[in-house]
Amino acid sequence: MHEEEFKQPIFGANKLVGVVQALPGSGLIEGLSFTIKFNDGGCGTFLGLFHPLVAYARALNVETVAEPIQAISSTVASGGVGQVAFVD
């Protein structure tokens, strides 16, 4: 994943856009673009989890970040994410 960018248009929903590489042998073209729209809010919570995971994966230069994902999953399951304030 690269070229990810958070966009806050004057009109319309906030969104995260970027480009991902296809898995080798998948038969898909290279450089597939993605968009995640936040029509009902929640981008602050998502970005607060997304950016640290991306930074961690890039620091390790790995494709799978199972350990941090498990830690975040347990935080979400325990309701810990609701105790953090993010400003959208």
PDB file of N, CA and C in Angstrom:
ATOM      1  N   MET A   1       0.859  -1.166   0.000  1.00  0.00           N
ATOM      2  CA  MET A   1       0.000   0.000   0.000  1.00  0.00           C
ATOM      3  C   MET A   1       0.903   1.225   0.000  1.00  0.00           C
ATOM      4  N   HIS A   2       0.532   2.203  -0.810  1.00  0.00           N
ATOM      5  CA  HIS A   2       1.280   3.446  -0.853  1.00  0.00           C
ATOM      6  C   HIS A   2       0.378   4.561  -1.358  1.00  0.00           C
ATOM      7  N   GLU A   3       0.893   5.755  -1.290  1.00  0.00           N
ATOM      8  CA  GLU A   3       0.164   6.951  -1.729  1.00  0.00           C
ATOM      9  C   GLU A   3      -1.160   7.125  -0.994  1.00  0.00           C
ATOM     10  N   GLU A   4      -1.250   6.605   0.260  1.00  0.00           N
ATOM     11  CA  GLU A   4      -2.503   6.785   0.994  1.00  0.00           C
ATOM     12  C   GLU A   4      -2.612   8.240   1.437  1.00  0.00           C
ATOM     13  N   GLU A   5      -3.818   8.745   1.335  1.00  0.00           N
ATOM     14  CA  GLU A   5      -4.074  10.155   1.648  1.00  0.00           C
ATOM     15  C   GLU A   5      -5.485  10.295   2.207  1.00  0.00           C
ATOM     16  N   PHE A   6      -5.598  11.045   3.286  1.00  0.00           N
ATOM     17  CA  PHE A   6      -6.895  11.323   3.886  1.00  0.00           C
ATOM     18  C   PHE A   6      -7.417  12.621   3.293  1.00  0.00           C
ATOM     19  N   LYS A   7      -8.634  12.588   2.781  1.00  0.00           N
ATOM     20  CA  LYS A   7      -9.213  13.772   2.135  1.00  0.00           C
ATOM     21  C   LYS A   7     -10.449  14.225   2.901  1.00  0.00           C
ATOM     22  N   GLN A   8     -10.534  15.532   3.118  1.00  0.00           N
ATOM     23  CA  GLN A   8     -11.686  16.134   3.778  1.00  0.00           C
ATOM     24  C   GLN A   8     -12.295  17.184   2.849  1.00  0.00           C
ATOM     25  N   PRO A   9     -13.173  16.751   1.947  1.00  0.00           N
ATOM     26  CA  PRO A   9     -13.778  17.712   1.026  1.00  0.00           C
ATOM     27  C   PRO A   9     -14.742  18.649   1.755  1.00  0.00           C
ATOM     28  N   ILE A  10     -14.937  19.813   1.185  1.00  0.00           N
ATOM     29  CA  ILE A  10     -15.892  20.768   1.763  1.00  0.00           C
ATOM     30  C   ILE A  10     -17.295  20.178   1.724  1.00  0.00           C
ATOM     31  N   PHE A  11     -17.643  19.565   0.608  1.00  0.00           N
ATOM     32  CA  PHE A  11     -18.942  18.903   0.469  1.00  0.00           C
ATOM     33  C   PHE A  11     -18.695  17.413   0.285  1.00  0.00           C
ATOM     34  N   GLY A  12     -19.403  16.599   1.013  1.00  0.00           N
ATOM     35  CA  GLY A  12     -19.254  15.155   0.884  1.00  0.00           C
ATOM     36  C   GLY A  12     -18.537  14.550   2.073  1.00  0.00           C
ATOM     37  N   ALA A  13     -18.422  13.239   2.036  1.00  0.00           N
ATOM     38  CA  ALA A  13     -17.857  12.488   3.153  1.00  0.00           C
ATOM     39  C   ALA A  13     -16.333  12.508   3.123  1.00  0.00           C
ATOM     40  N   ASN A  14     -15.730  12.427   4.326  1.00  0.00           N
ATOM     41  CA  ASN A  14     -14.289  12.244   4.415  1.00  0.00           C
ATOM     42  C   ASN A  14     -13.948  10.904   3.796  1.00  0.00           C
ATOM     43  N   LYS A  15     -12.717  10.785   3.276  1.00  0.00           N
ATOM     44  CA  LYS A  15     -12.337   9.513   2.671  1.00  0.00           C
ATOM     45  C   LYS A  15     -10.834   9.311   2.734  1.00  0.00           C
ATOM     46  N   LEU A  16     -10.459   8.061   2.694  1.00  0.00           N
ATOM     47  CA  LEU A  16      -9.069   7.649   2.636  1.00  0.00           C
ATOM     48  C   LEU A  16      -8.871   7.003   1.276  1.00  0.00           C
ATOM     49  N   VAL A  17      -7.891   7.468   0.535  1.00  0.00           N
ATOM     50  CA  VAL A  17      -7.608   6.915  -0.789  1.00  0.00           C
ATOM     51  C   VAL A  17      -6.162   6.451  -0.824  1.00  0.00           C
ATOM     52  N   GLY A  18      -5.854   5.559  -1.738  1.00  0.00           N
ATOM     53  CA  GLY A  18      -4.494   5.077  -1.888  1.00  0.00           C
ATOM     54  C   GLY A  18      -4.396   4.052  -2.993  1.00  0.00           C
ATOM     55  N   VAL A  19      -3.233   3.439  -3.064  1.00  0.00           N
ATOM     56  CA  VAL A  19      -2.949   2.446  -4.093  1.00  0.00           C
ATOM     57  C   VAL A  19      -2.375   1.207  -3.418  1.00  0.00           C
ATOM     58  N   VAL A  20      -2.816   0.051  -3.845  1.00  0.00           N
ATOM     59  CA  VAL A  20      -2.269  -1.217  -3.348  1.00  0.00           C
ATOM     60  C   VAL A  20      -1.715  -2.017  -4.517  1.00  0.00           C
ATOM     61  N   GLN A  21      -0.721  -2.821  -4.220  1.00  0.00           N
ATOM     62  CA  GLN A  21      -0.130  -3.686  -5.236  1.00  0.00           C
ATOM     63  C   GLN A  21      -0.849  -5.027  -5.213  1.00  0.00           C
ATOM     64  N   ALA A  22      -1.025  -5.606  -6.375  1.00  0.00           N
ATOM     65  CA  ALA A  22      -1.662  -6.921  -6.472  1.00  0.00           C
ATOM     66  C   ALA A  22      -0.696  -7.996  -5.979  1.00  0.00           C
ATOM     67  N   LEU A  23      -1.234  -9.062  -5.417  1.00  0.00           N
ATOM     68  CA  LEU A  23      -0.406 -10.183  -4.999  1.00  0.00           C
ATOM     69  C   LEU A  23       0.171 -10.870  -6.221  1.00  0.00           C
ATOM     70  N   PRO A  24       1.437 -11.270  -6.150  1.00  0.00           N
ATOM     71  CA  PRO A  24       2.031 -11.981  -7.292  1.00  0.00           C
ATOM     72  C   PRO A  24       1.237 -13.239  -7.627  1.00  0.00           C
ATOM     73  N   GLY A  25       0.987 -13.433  -8.902  1.00  0.00           N
ATOM     74  CA  GLY A  25       0.262 -14.605  -9.350  1.00  0.00           C
ATOM     75  C   GLY A  25      -1.246 -14.500  -9.238  1.00  0.00           C
ATOM     76  N   SER A  26      -1.753 -13.347  -8.810  1.00  0.00           N
ATOM     77  CA  SER A  26      -3.200 -13.207  -8.648  1.00  0.00           C
ATOM     78  C   SER A  26      -3.899 -12.910  -9.969  1.00  0.00           C
ATOM     79  N   GLY A  27      -3.135 -12.497 -10.960  1.00  0.00           N
ATOM     80  CA  GLY A  27      -3.740 -12.166 -12.245  1.00  0.00           C
ATOM     81  C   GLY A  27      -4.338 -10.775 -12.299  1.00  0.00           C
ATOM     82  N   LEU A  28      -4.236 -10.032 -11.200  1.00  0.00           N
ATOM     83  CA  LEU A  28      -4.763  -8.664 -11.169  1.00  0.00           C
ATOM     84  C   LEU A  28      -3.710  -7.688 -11.655  1.00  0.00           C
ATOM     85  N   ILE A  29      -4.181  -6.553 -12.120  1.00  0.00           N
ATOM     86  CA  ILE A  29      -3.257  -5.537 -12.599  1.00  0.00           C
ATOM     87  C   ILE A  29      -2.553  -4.868 -11.423  1.00  0.00           C
ATOM     88  N   GLU A  30      -1.418  -4.271 -11.682  1.00  0.00           N
ATOM     89  CA  GLU A  30      -0.653  -3.572 -10.644  1.00  0.00           C
ATOM     90  C   GLU A  30      -1.268  -2.211 -10.369  1.00  0.00           C
ATOM     91  N   GLY A  31      -1.059  -1.713  -9.188  1.00  0.00           N
ATOM     92  CA  GLY A  31      -1.493  -0.372  -8.846  1.00  0.00           C
ATOM     93  C   GLY A  31      -2.995  -0.184  -8.768  1.00  0.00           C
ATOM     94  N   LEU A  32      -3.675  -1.036  -8.029  1.00  0.00           N
ATOM     95  CA  LEU A  32      -5.117  -0.897  -7.861  1.00  0.00           C
ATOM     96  C   LEU A  32      -5.396   0.203  -6.846  1.00  0.00           C
ATOM     97  N   SER A  33      -6.278   1.123  -7.191  1.00  0.00           N
ATOM     98  CA  SER A  33      -6.597   2.205  -6.260  1.00  0.00           C
ATOM     99  C   SER A  33      -7.765   1.797  -5.365  1.00  0.00           C
ATOM    100  N   PHE A  34      -7.793   2.386  -4.149  1.00  0.00           N
ATOM    101  CA  PHE A  34      -8.882   2.114  -3.231  1.00  0.00           C
ATOM    102  C   PHE A  34      -9.383   3.422  -2.628  1.00  0.00           C
ATOM    103  N   THR A  35     -10.636   3.406  -2.207  1.00  0.00           N
ATOM    104  CA  THR A  35     -11.259   4.523  -1.506  1.00  0.00           C
ATOM    105  C   THR A  35     -12.108   3.962  -0.375  1.00  0.00           C
ATOM    106  N   ILE A  36     -11.900   4.493   0.821  1.00  0.00           N
ATOM    107  CA  ILE A  36     -12.741   4.153   1.967  1.00  0.00           C
ATOM    108  C   ILE A  36     -13.452   5.431   2.365  1.00  0.00           C
ATOM    109  N   LYS A  37     -14.784   5.451   2.206  1.00  0.00           N
ATOM    110  CA  LYS A  37     -15.572   6.643   2.543  1.00  0.00           C
ATOM    111  C   LYS A  37     -16.167   6.504   3.937  1.00  0.00           C
ATOM    112  N   PHE A  38     -16.207   7.616   4.655  1.00  0.00           N
ATOM    113  CA  PHE A  38     -16.764   7.657   6.000  1.00  0.00           C
ATOM    114  C   PHE A  38     -18.047   8.479   5.961  1.00  0.00           C
ATOM    115  N   ASN A  39     -19.110   7.859   5.479  1.00  0.00           N
ATOM    116  CA  ASN A  39     -20.379   8.559   5.313  1.00  0.00           C
ATOM    117  C   ASN A  39     -21.049   8.905   6.638  1.00  0.00           C
ATOM    118  N   ASP A  40     -20.806   8.109   7.669  1.00  0.00           N
ATOM    119  CA  ASP A  40     -21.464   8.328   8.963  1.00  0.00           C
ATOM    120  C   ASP A  40     -20.457   8.607  10.070  1.00  0.00           C
ATOM    121  N   GLY A  41     -19.360   9.278   9.752  1.00  0.00           N
ATOM    122  CA  GLY A  41     -18.346   9.592  10.758  1.00  0.00           C
ATOM    123  C   GLY A  41     -17.479   8.389  11.064  1.00  0.00           C
ATOM    124  N   GLY A  42     -16.732   8.478  12.149  1.00  0.00           N
ATOM    125  CA  GLY A  42     -15.878   7.383  12.566  1.00  0.00           C
ATOM    126  C   GLY A  42     -14.483   7.415  12.000  1.00  0.00           C
ATOM    127  N   CYS A  43     -14.175   8.413  11.177  1.00  0.00           N
ATOM    128  CA  CYS A  43     -12.851   8.427  10.555  1.00  0.00           C
ATOM    129  C   CYS A  43     -11.751   8.665  11.583  1.00  0.00           C
ATOM    130  N   GLY A  44     -12.031   9.442  12.620  1.00  0.00           N
ATOM    131  CA  GLY A  44     -11.016   9.693  13.642  1.00  0.00           C
ATOM    132  C   GLY A  44     -10.621   8.429  14.362  1.00  0.00           C
ATOM    133  N   THR A  45     -11.594   7.600  14.687  1.00  0.00           N
ATOM    134  CA  THR A  45     -11.306   6.331  15.347  1.00  0.00           C
ATOM    135  C   THR A  45     -10.543   5.411  14.405  1.00  0.00           C
ATOM    136  N   PHE A  46     -10.982   5.319  13.172  1.00  0.00           N
ATOM    137  CA  PHE A  46     -10.327   4.448  12.196  1.00  0.00           C
ATOM    138  C   PHE A  46      -8.890   4.894  11.948  1.00  0.00           C
ATOM    139  N   LEU A  47      -8.692   6.187  11.693  1.00  0.00           N
ATOM    140  CA  LEU A  47      -7.354   6.674  11.383  1.00  0.00           C
ATOM    141  C   LEU A  47      -6.416   6.526  12.573  1.00  0.00           C
ATOM    142  N   GLY A  48      -6.962   6.638  13.777  1.00  0.00           N
ATOM    143  CA  GLY A  48      -6.144   6.446  14.967  1.00  0.00           C
ATOM    144  C   GLY A  48      -5.612   5.027  15.100  1.00  0.00           C
ATOM    145  N   LEU A  49      -6.280   4.070  14.481  1.00  0.00           N
ATOM    146  CA  LEU A  49      -5.821   2.686  14.464  1.00  0.00           C
ATOM    147  C   LEU A  49      -5.031   2.381  13.195  1.00  0.00           C
ATOM    148  N   PHE A  50      -5.468   2.941  12.087  1.00  0.00           N
ATOM    149  CA  PHE A  50      -4.885   2.654  10.783  1.00  0.00           C
ATOM    150  C   PHE A  50      -3.440   3.142  10.671  1.00  0.00           C
ATOM    151  N   HIS A  51      -3.198   4.401  11.001  1.00  0.00           N
ATOM    152  CA  HIS A  51      -1.861   4.966  10.810  1.00  0.00           C
ATOM    153  C   HIS A  51      -0.792   4.284  11.663  1.00  0.00           C
ATOM    154  N   PRO A  52      -1.047   3.978  12.951  1.00  0.00           N
ATOM    155  CA  PRO A  52      -0.026   3.238  13.706  1.00  0.00           C
ATOM    156  C   PRO A  52       0.243   1.849  13.136  1.00  0.00           C
ATOM    157  N   LEU A  53      -0.791   1.158  12.652  1.00  0.00           N
ATOM    158  CA  LEU A  53      -0.577  -0.161  12.048  1.00  0.00           C
ATOM    159  C   LEU A  53       0.261  -0.074  10.783  1.00  0.00           C
ATOM    160  N   VAL A  54      -0.016   0.910   9.951  1.00  0.00           N
ATOM    161  CA  VAL A  54       0.750   1.085   8.718  1.00  0.00           C
ATOM    162  C   VAL A  54       2.206   1.415   9.055  1.00  0.00           C
ATOM    163  N   ALA A  55       2.416   2.313  10.011  1.00  0.00           N
ATOM    164  CA  ALA A  55       3.775   2.676  10.416  1.00  0.00           C
ATOM    165  C   ALA A  55       4.520   1.458  10.966  1.00  0.00           C
ATOM    166  N   TYR A  56       3.828   0.656  11.762  1.00  0.00           N
ATOM    167  CA  TYR A  56       4.444  -0.544  12.335  1.00  0.00           C
ATOM    168  C   TYR A  56       4.837  -1.528  11.232  1.00  0.00           C
ATOM    169  N   ALA A  57       3.940  -1.766  10.302  1.00  0.00           N
ATOM    170  CA  ALA A  57       4.220  -2.700   9.205  1.00  0.00           C
ATOM    171  C   ALA A  57       5.373  -2.211   8.351  1.00  0.00           C
ATOM    172  N   ARG A  58       5.431  -0.918   8.105  1.00  0.00           N
ATOM    173  CA  ARG A  58       6.529  -0.379   7.294  1.00  0.00           C
ATOM    174  C   ARG A  58       7.855  -0.443   8.045  1.00  0.00           C
ATOM    175  N   ALA A  59       7.825  -0.231   9.353  1.00  0.00           N
ATOM    176  CA  ALA A  59       9.053  -0.303  10.147  1.00  0.00           C
ATOM    177  C   ALA A  59       9.618  -1.724  10.147  1.00  0.00           C
ATOM    178  N   LEU A  60       8.735  -2.707  10.175  1.00  0.00           N
ATOM    179  CA  LEU A  60       9.172  -4.103  10.148  1.00  0.00           C
ATOM    180  C   LEU A  60       9.403  -4.604   8.731  1.00  0.00           C
ATOM    181  N   ASN A  61       8.866  -3.868   7.766  1.00  0.00           N
ATOM    182  CA  ASN A  61       8.940  -4.260   6.363  1.00  0.00           C
ATOM    183  C   ASN A  61       8.353  -5.662   6.172  1.00  0.00           C
ATOM    184  N   VAL A  62       7.169  -5.854   6.719  1.00  0.00           N
ATOM    185  CA  VAL A  62       6.484  -7.141   6.602  1.00  0.00           C
ATOM    186  C   VAL A  62       5.140  -6.953   5.928  1.00  0.00           C
ATOM    187  N   GLU A  63       4.586  -8.056   5.469  1.00  0.00           N
ATOM    188  CA  GLU A  63       3.293  -8.001   4.807  1.00  0.00           C
ATOM    189  C   GLU A  63       2.155  -8.340   5.756  1.00  0.00           C
ATOM    190  N   THR A  64       2.444  -9.012   6.860  1.00  0.00           N
ATOM    191  CA  THR A  64       1.400  -9.390   7.809  1.00  0.00           C
ATOM    192  C   THR A  64       1.742  -8.829   9.182  1.00  0.00           C
ATOM    193  N   VAL A  65       0.780  -8.194   9.779  1.00  0.00           N
ATOM    194  CA  VAL A  65       0.983  -7.618  11.109  1.00  0.00           C
ATOM    195  C   VAL A  65      -0.041  -8.222  12.067  1.00  0.00           C
ATOM    196  N   ALA A  66       0.025  -9.526  12.239  1.00  0.00           N
ATOM    197  CA  ALA A  66      -0.971 -10.232  13.041  1.00  0.00           C
ATOM    198  C   ALA A  66      -0.948  -9.804  14.499  1.00  0.00           C
ATOM    199  N   GLU A  67       0.239  -9.640  15.086  1.00  0.00           N
ATOM    200  CA  GLU A  67       0.318  -9.306  16.516  1.00  0.00           C
ATOM    201  C   GLU A  67      -0.361  -7.975  16.829  1.00  0.00           C
ATOM    202  N   PRO A  68      -0.045  -6.867  16.117  1.00  0.00           N
ATOM    203  CA  PRO A  68      -0.749  -5.619  16.424  1.00  0.00           C
ATOM    204  C   PRO A  68      -2.242  -5.688  16.122  1.00  0.00           C
ATOM    205  N   ILE A  69      -2.619  -6.433  15.099  1.00  0.00           N
ATOM    206  CA  ILE A  69      -4.040  -6.551  14.774  1.00  0.00           C
ATOM    207  C   ILE A  69      -4.765  -7.267  15.906  1.00  0.00           C
ATOM    208  N   GLN A  70      -4.144  -8.298  16.478  1.00  0.00           N
ATOM    209  CA  GLN A  70      -4.756  -8.995  17.603  1.00  0.00           C
ATOM    210  C   GLN A  70      -4.885  -8.062  18.806  1.00  0.00           C
ATOM    211  N   ALA A  71      -3.871  -7.228  19.045  1.00  0.00           N
ATOM    212  CA  ALA A  71      -3.918  -6.290  20.166  1.00  0.00           C
ATOM    213  C   ALA A  71      -5.036  -5.279  19.965  1.00  0.00           C
ATOM    214  N   ILE A  72      -5.179  -4.779  18.761  1.00  0.00           N
ATOM    215  CA  ILE A  72      -6.234  -3.805  18.484  1.00  0.00           C
ATOM    216  C   ILE A  72      -7.598  -4.477  18.556  1.00  0.00           C
ATOM    217  N   SER A  73      -7.694  -5.712  18.054  1.00  0.00           N
ATOM    218  CA  SER A  73      -8.965  -6.435  18.125  1.00  0.00           C
ATOM    219  C   SER A  73      -9.415  -6.609  19.560  1.00  0.00           C
ATOM    220  N   SER A  74      -8.485  -6.936  20.460  1.00  0.00           N
ATOM    221  CA  SER A  74      -8.870  -7.105  21.860  1.00  0.00           C
ATOM    222  C   SER A  74      -9.257  -5.770  22.485  1.00  0.00           C
ATOM    223  N   THR A  75      -8.605  -4.678  22.060  1.00  0.00           N
ATOM    224  CA  THR A  75      -8.975  -3.347  22.556  1.00  0.00           C
ATOM    225  C   THR A  75     -10.381  -2.984  22.101  1.00  0.00           C
ATOM    226  N   VAL A  76     -10.681  -3.263  20.846  1.00  0.00           N
ATOM    227  CA  VAL A  76     -12.016  -2.974  20.312  1.00  0.00           C
ATOM    228  C   VAL A  76     -13.061  -3.836  21.011  1.00  0.00           C
ATOM    229  N   ALA A  77     -12.762  -5.119  21.174  1.00  0.00           N
ATOM    230  CA  ALA A  77     -13.715  -6.037  21.804  1.00  0.00           C
ATOM    231  C   ALA A  77     -13.998  -5.664  23.258  1.00  0.00           C
ATOM    232  N   SER A  78     -12.983  -5.127  23.947  1.00  0.00           N
ATOM    233  CA  SER A  78     -13.179  -4.761  25.350  1.00  0.00           C
ATOM    234  C   SER A  78     -13.827  -3.393  25.513  1.00  0.00           C
ATOM    235  N   GLY A  79     -14.044  -2.699  24.413  1.00  0.00           N
ATOM    236  CA  GLY A  79     -14.670  -1.382  24.479  1.00  0.00           C
ATOM    237  C   GLY A  79     -13.677  -0.259  24.734  1.00  0.00           C
ATOM    238  N   GLY A  80     -12.386  -0.568  24.658  1.00  0.00           N
ATOM    239  CA  GLY A  80     -11.362   0.434  24.922  1.00  0.00           C
ATOM    240  C   GLY A  80     -11.309   1.557  23.912  1.00  0.00           C
ATOM    241  N   VAL A  81     -11.726   1.301  22.689  1.00  0.00           N
ATOM    242  CA  VAL A  81     -11.681   2.332  21.653  1.00  0.00           C
ATOM    243  C   VAL A  81     -12.670   3.439  21.976  1.00  0.00           C
ATOM    244  N   GLY A  82     -13.790   3.093  22.588  1.00  0.00           N
ATOM    245  CA  GLY A  82     -14.796   4.084  22.952  1.00  0.00           C
ATOM    246  C   GLY A  82     -14.353   5.018  24.053  1.00  0.00           C
ATOM    247  N   GLN A  83     -13.265   4.689  24.725  1.00  0.00           N
ATOM    248  CA  GLN A  83     -12.768   5.524  25.807  1.00  0.00           C
ATOM    249  C   GLN A  83     -11.730   6.526  25.329  1.00  0.00           C
ATOM    250  N   VAL A  84     -11.461   6.534  24.033  1.00  0.00           N
ATOM    251  CA  VAL A  84     -10.472   7.440  23.459  1.00  0.00           C
ATOM    252  C   VAL A  84     -11.202   8.497  22.646  1.00  0.00           C
ATOM    253  N   ALA A  85     -10.804   9.717  22.780  1.00  0.00           N
ATOM    254  CA  ALA A  85     -11.447  10.801  22.017  1.00  0.00           C
ATOM    255  C   ALA A  85     -10.602  11.149  20.807  1.00  0.00           C
ATOM    256  N   PHE A  86     -11.208  11.095  19.654  1.00  0.00           N
ATOM    257  CA  PHE A  86     -10.563  11.519  18.415  1.00  0.00           C
ATOM    258  C   PHE A  86     -11.390  12.635  17.829  1.00  0.00           C
ATOM    259  N   VAL A  87     -10.739  13.612  17.256  1.00  0.00           N
ATOM    260  CA  VAL A  87     -11.459  14.733  16.638  1.00  0.00           C
ATOM    261  C   VAL A  87     -11.510  14.501  15.142  1.00  0.00           C
ATOM    262  N   ASP A  88     -12.690  14.465  14.597  1.00  0.00           N
ATOM    263  CA  ASP A  88     -12.864  14.309  13.153  1.00  0.00           C
ATOM    264  C   ASP A  88     -12.787  15.654  12.497  1.00  0.00           C
TER     265      ASP A  88
END
